[in-house]
Amino acid sequence: MLWLTCPNCGRRPVEEFVFGGEVRAESDPILEPDEQDIDLVWMFDNPDGLTTERWFHVAGCGRWTTIRRDTSIDVEVS
């Protein structure tokens, strides 16, 4: 099971969180507004290895947190 560390509540199971998306670097600008929305909401890199993600602690303190995770072994890293 994946465990995430909430800065307010401590180490909690992933089921208490809602995935908010990858923290991505700025890419080349997309000029078409509809394409911008699709890119922002649906296009994820999904890398194998280290990634930075946003998670919302819905069943706890109700705050957002940024997590570094190794997707190849599905664990949070510090």
N, C-alpha and C. Protein backbone atom coordinates (compact mmCIF):
# COMPACT_ATOMS: atom_id res chain seq x y z
N MET A 1 0.84 -1.17 0.00
CA MET A 1 0.00 0.00 0.00
C MET A 1 0.89 1.24 0.00
N LEU A 2 0.48 2.24 -0.75
CA LEU A 2 1.21 3.50 -0.79
C LEU A 2 0.80 4.36 0.40
N TRP A 3 1.79 4.90 1.10
CA TRP A 3 1.58 5.81 2.22
C TRP A 3 2.17 7.16 1.85
N LEU A 4 1.45 8.23 2.14
CA LEU A 4 1.91 9.58 1.88
C LEU A 4 2.03 10.34 3.19
N THR A 5 2.97 11.28 3.25
CA THR A 5 3.18 12.05 4.46
C THR A 5 2.51 13.41 4.32
N CYS A 6 1.48 13.63 5.12
CA CYS A 6 0.80 14.92 5.18
C CYS A 6 1.57 15.78 6.19
N PRO A 7 1.90 17.03 5.85
CA PRO A 7 2.64 17.86 6.80
C PRO A 7 1.85 18.18 8.06
N ASN A 8 0.53 18.05 8.00
CA ASN A 8 -0.31 18.35 9.16
C ASN A 8 -0.70 17.10 9.95
N CYS A 9 -0.96 16.00 9.25
CA CYS A 9 -1.52 14.80 9.89
C CYS A 9 -0.52 13.66 10.02
N GLY A 10 0.64 13.77 9.39
CA GLY A 10 1.63 12.69 9.44
C GLY A 10 1.43 11.69 8.32
N ARG A 11 1.99 10.51 8.50
CA ARG A 11 1.96 9.46 7.47
C ARG A 11 0.57 8.82 7.44
N ARG A 12 -0.05 8.85 6.24
CA ARG A 12 -1.42 8.36 6.08
C ARG A 12 -1.53 7.50 4.82
N PRO A 13 -2.51 6.58 4.75
CA PRO A 13 -2.68 5.75 3.55
C PRO A 13 -3.19 6.59 2.36
N VAL A 14 -2.82 6.20 1.17
CA VAL A 14 -3.15 6.94 -0.04
C VAL A 14 -4.67 7.07 -0.24
N GLU A 15 -5.45 6.17 0.32
CA GLU A 15 -6.91 6.22 0.16
C GLU A 15 -7.51 7.49 0.77
N GLU A 16 -6.78 8.16 1.66
CA GLU A 16 -7.27 9.40 2.27
C GLU A 16 -7.04 10.61 1.37
N PHE A 17 -6.33 10.43 0.26
CA PHE A 17 -5.94 11.54 -0.61
C PHE A 17 -6.61 11.44 -1.97
N VAL A 18 -6.69 12.58 -2.64
CA VAL A 18 -7.14 12.65 -4.03
C VAL A 18 -5.98 13.20 -4.84
N PHE A 19 -5.67 12.53 -5.95
CA PHE A 19 -4.56 12.93 -6.80
C PHE A 19 -4.89 14.25 -7.48
N GLY A 20 -3.98 15.21 -7.41
CA GLY A 20 -4.20 16.52 -8.00
C GLY A 20 -3.41 16.75 -9.27
N GLY A 21 -2.54 15.83 -9.63
CA GLY A 21 -1.79 15.97 -10.87
C GLY A 21 -0.30 16.13 -10.65
N GLU A 22 0.41 15.98 -11.73
CA GLU A 22 1.87 16.14 -11.72
C GLU A 22 2.21 17.62 -11.65
N VAL A 23 3.30 17.93 -11.00
CA VAL A 23 3.86 19.28 -11.06
C VAL A 23 4.80 19.25 -12.25
N ARG A 24 4.43 19.98 -13.30
CA ARG A 24 5.17 19.92 -14.55
C ARG A 24 5.88 21.23 -14.83
N ALA A 25 6.97 21.12 -15.53
CA ALA A 25 7.69 22.30 -15.99
C ALA A 25 6.88 22.97 -17.10
N GLU A 26 7.04 24.25 -17.24
CA GLU A 26 6.36 24.97 -18.32
C GLU A 26 6.85 24.46 -19.67
N SER A 27 5.91 24.19 -20.56
CA SER A 27 6.28 23.74 -21.90
C SER A 27 6.08 24.89 -22.88
N ASP A 28 6.31 24.62 -24.14
CA ASP A 28 6.08 25.63 -25.16
C ASP A 28 4.61 26.05 -25.11
N PRO A 29 4.34 27.33 -25.28
CA PRO A 29 2.96 27.79 -25.18
C PRO A 29 2.08 27.22 -26.29
N ILE A 30 0.88 26.84 -25.92
CA ILE A 30 -0.13 26.39 -26.87
C ILE A 30 -1.09 27.57 -27.05
N LEU A 31 -1.30 27.98 -28.27
CA LEU A 31 -2.08 29.20 -28.52
C LEU A 31 -3.58 28.96 -28.59
N GLU A 32 -4.01 27.79 -29.00
CA GLU A 32 -5.43 27.48 -29.13
C GLU A 32 -6.01 27.20 -27.73
N PRO A 33 -7.03 27.98 -27.28
CA PRO A 33 -7.57 27.83 -25.91
C PRO A 33 -8.08 26.42 -25.60
N ASP A 34 -8.78 25.76 -26.54
CA ASP A 34 -9.29 24.41 -26.28
C ASP A 34 -8.15 23.42 -26.11
N GLU A 35 -7.11 23.56 -26.92
CA GLU A 35 -5.95 22.67 -26.80
C GLU A 35 -5.20 22.91 -25.49
N GLN A 36 -5.18 24.16 -25.02
CA GLN A 36 -4.55 24.47 -23.73
C GLN A 36 -5.26 23.71 -22.61
N ASP A 37 -6.59 23.74 -22.62
CA ASP A 37 -7.37 23.06 -21.58
C ASP A 37 -7.14 21.56 -21.60
N ILE A 38 -7.15 20.96 -22.77
CA ILE A 38 -6.93 19.52 -22.89
C ILE A 38 -5.54 19.15 -22.39
N ASP A 39 -4.55 19.93 -22.79
CA ASP A 39 -3.18 19.66 -22.37
C ASP A 39 -3.03 19.76 -20.86
N LEU A 40 -3.61 20.79 -20.26
CA LEU A 40 -3.49 21.01 -18.82
C LEU A 40 -4.18 19.92 -18.00
N VAL A 41 -5.35 19.51 -18.44
CA VAL A 41 -6.15 18.57 -17.65
C VAL A 41 -5.83 17.11 -17.92
N TRP A 42 -5.56 16.75 -19.16
CA TRP A 42 -5.49 15.33 -19.52
C TRP A 42 -4.12 14.80 -19.91
N MET A 43 -3.18 15.63 -20.26
CA MET A 43 -1.90 15.14 -20.77
C MET A 43 -0.86 15.10 -19.66
N PHE A 44 -0.58 13.90 -19.17
CA PHE A 44 0.41 13.71 -18.13
C PHE A 44 1.63 13.00 -18.71
N ASP A 45 2.79 13.26 -18.12
CA ASP A 45 4.01 12.61 -18.57
C ASP A 45 4.09 11.16 -18.11
N ASN A 46 3.60 10.88 -16.89
CA ASN A 46 3.62 9.54 -16.31
C ASN A 46 5.01 8.90 -16.40
N PRO A 47 6.03 9.56 -15.83
CA PRO A 47 7.39 9.04 -15.95
C PRO A 47 7.61 7.79 -15.09
N ASP A 48 8.56 6.99 -15.50
CA ASP A 48 8.98 5.84 -14.70
C ASP A 48 10.19 6.30 -13.89
N GLY A 49 9.98 6.53 -12.63
CA GLY A 49 11.04 7.05 -11.76
C GLY A 49 10.53 8.19 -10.91
N LEU A 50 11.40 9.13 -10.60
CA LEU A 50 11.04 10.23 -9.71
C LEU A 50 10.09 11.22 -10.37
N THR A 51 9.07 11.61 -9.63
CA THR A 51 8.11 12.60 -10.10
C THR A 51 7.66 13.44 -8.90
N THR A 52 7.17 14.64 -9.18
CA THR A 52 6.62 15.51 -8.15
C THR A 52 5.13 15.65 -8.43
N GLU A 53 4.30 15.43 -7.40
CA GLU A 53 2.85 15.41 -7.58
C GLU A 53 2.17 16.23 -6.50
N ARG A 54 0.95 16.67 -6.80
CA ARG A 54 0.12 17.36 -5.82
C ARG A 54 -0.98 16.40 -5.37
N TRP A 55 -1.23 16.35 -4.07
CA TRP A 55 -2.26 15.49 -3.49
C TRP A 55 -3.09 16.32 -2.51
N PHE A 56 -4.40 16.06 -2.48
CA PHE A 56 -5.31 16.75 -1.57
C PHE A 56 -5.75 15.77 -0.49
N HIS A 57 -5.55 16.14 0.78
CA HIS A 57 -5.89 15.26 1.90
C HIS A 57 -7.37 15.42 2.25
N VAL A 58 -8.20 14.76 1.47
CA VAL A 58 -9.65 14.90 1.57
C VAL A 58 -10.21 14.29 2.86
N ALA A 59 -9.63 13.19 3.35
CA ALA A 59 -10.15 12.52 4.55
C ALA A 59 -9.37 12.94 5.80
N GLY A 60 -8.66 14.04 5.71
CA GLY A 60 -7.87 14.50 6.85
C GLY A 60 -8.04 16.00 7.03
N CYS A 61 -6.95 16.73 6.89
CA CYS A 61 -6.93 18.16 7.18
C CYS A 61 -7.52 19.03 6.08
N GLY A 62 -7.77 18.45 4.89
CA GLY A 62 -8.35 19.22 3.81
C GLY A 62 -7.38 20.21 3.17
N ARG A 63 -6.11 19.84 3.13
CA ARG A 63 -5.09 20.71 2.54
C ARG A 63 -4.34 20.00 1.43
N TRP A 64 -3.76 20.81 0.54
CA TRP A 64 -2.92 20.30 -0.53
C TRP A 64 -1.51 20.08 -0.03
N THR A 65 -0.83 19.07 -0.57
CA THR A 65 0.57 18.84 -0.27
C THR A 65 1.30 18.40 -1.54
N THR A 66 2.57 18.69 -1.60
CA THR A 66 3.39 18.28 -2.74
C THR A 66 4.24 17.09 -2.31
N ILE A 67 4.19 16.03 -3.08
CA ILE A 67 4.86 14.76 -2.76
C ILE A 67 5.86 14.42 -3.86
N ARG A 68 7.05 13.97 -3.49
CA ARG A 68 8.02 13.38 -4.44
C ARG A 68 7.84 11.87 -4.35
N ARG A 69 7.62 11.23 -5.50
CA ARG A 69 7.33 9.80 -5.50
C ARG A 69 8.14 9.11 -6.58
N ASP A 70 8.61 7.90 -6.27
CA ASP A 70 9.28 7.05 -7.25
C ASP A 70 8.22 6.11 -7.82
N THR A 71 7.80 6.35 -9.05
CA THR A 71 6.73 5.56 -9.64
C THR A 71 7.15 4.15 -10.00
N SER A 72 8.45 3.91 -10.13
CA SER A 72 8.90 2.56 -10.49
C SER A 72 8.70 1.57 -9.34
N ILE A 73 8.74 2.06 -8.09
CA ILE A 73 8.52 1.18 -6.94
C ILE A 73 7.33 1.66 -6.10
N ASP A 74 6.66 2.73 -6.53
CA ASP A 74 5.45 3.28 -5.91
C ASP A 74 5.63 3.60 -4.43
N VAL A 75 6.66 4.40 -4.13
CA VAL A 75 6.88 4.86 -2.75
C VAL A 75 7.20 6.35 -2.76
N GLU A 76 6.85 7.00 -1.67
CA GLU A 76 7.20 8.41 -1.48
C GLU A 76 8.69 8.49 -1.13
N VAL A 77 9.36 9.48 -1.67
CA VAL A 77 10.78 9.70 -1.35
C VAL A 77 10.92 11.09 -0.74
N SER A 78 11.93 11.26 0.09
CA SER A 78 12.12 12.57 0.72
C SER A 78 13.05 13.43 -0.08
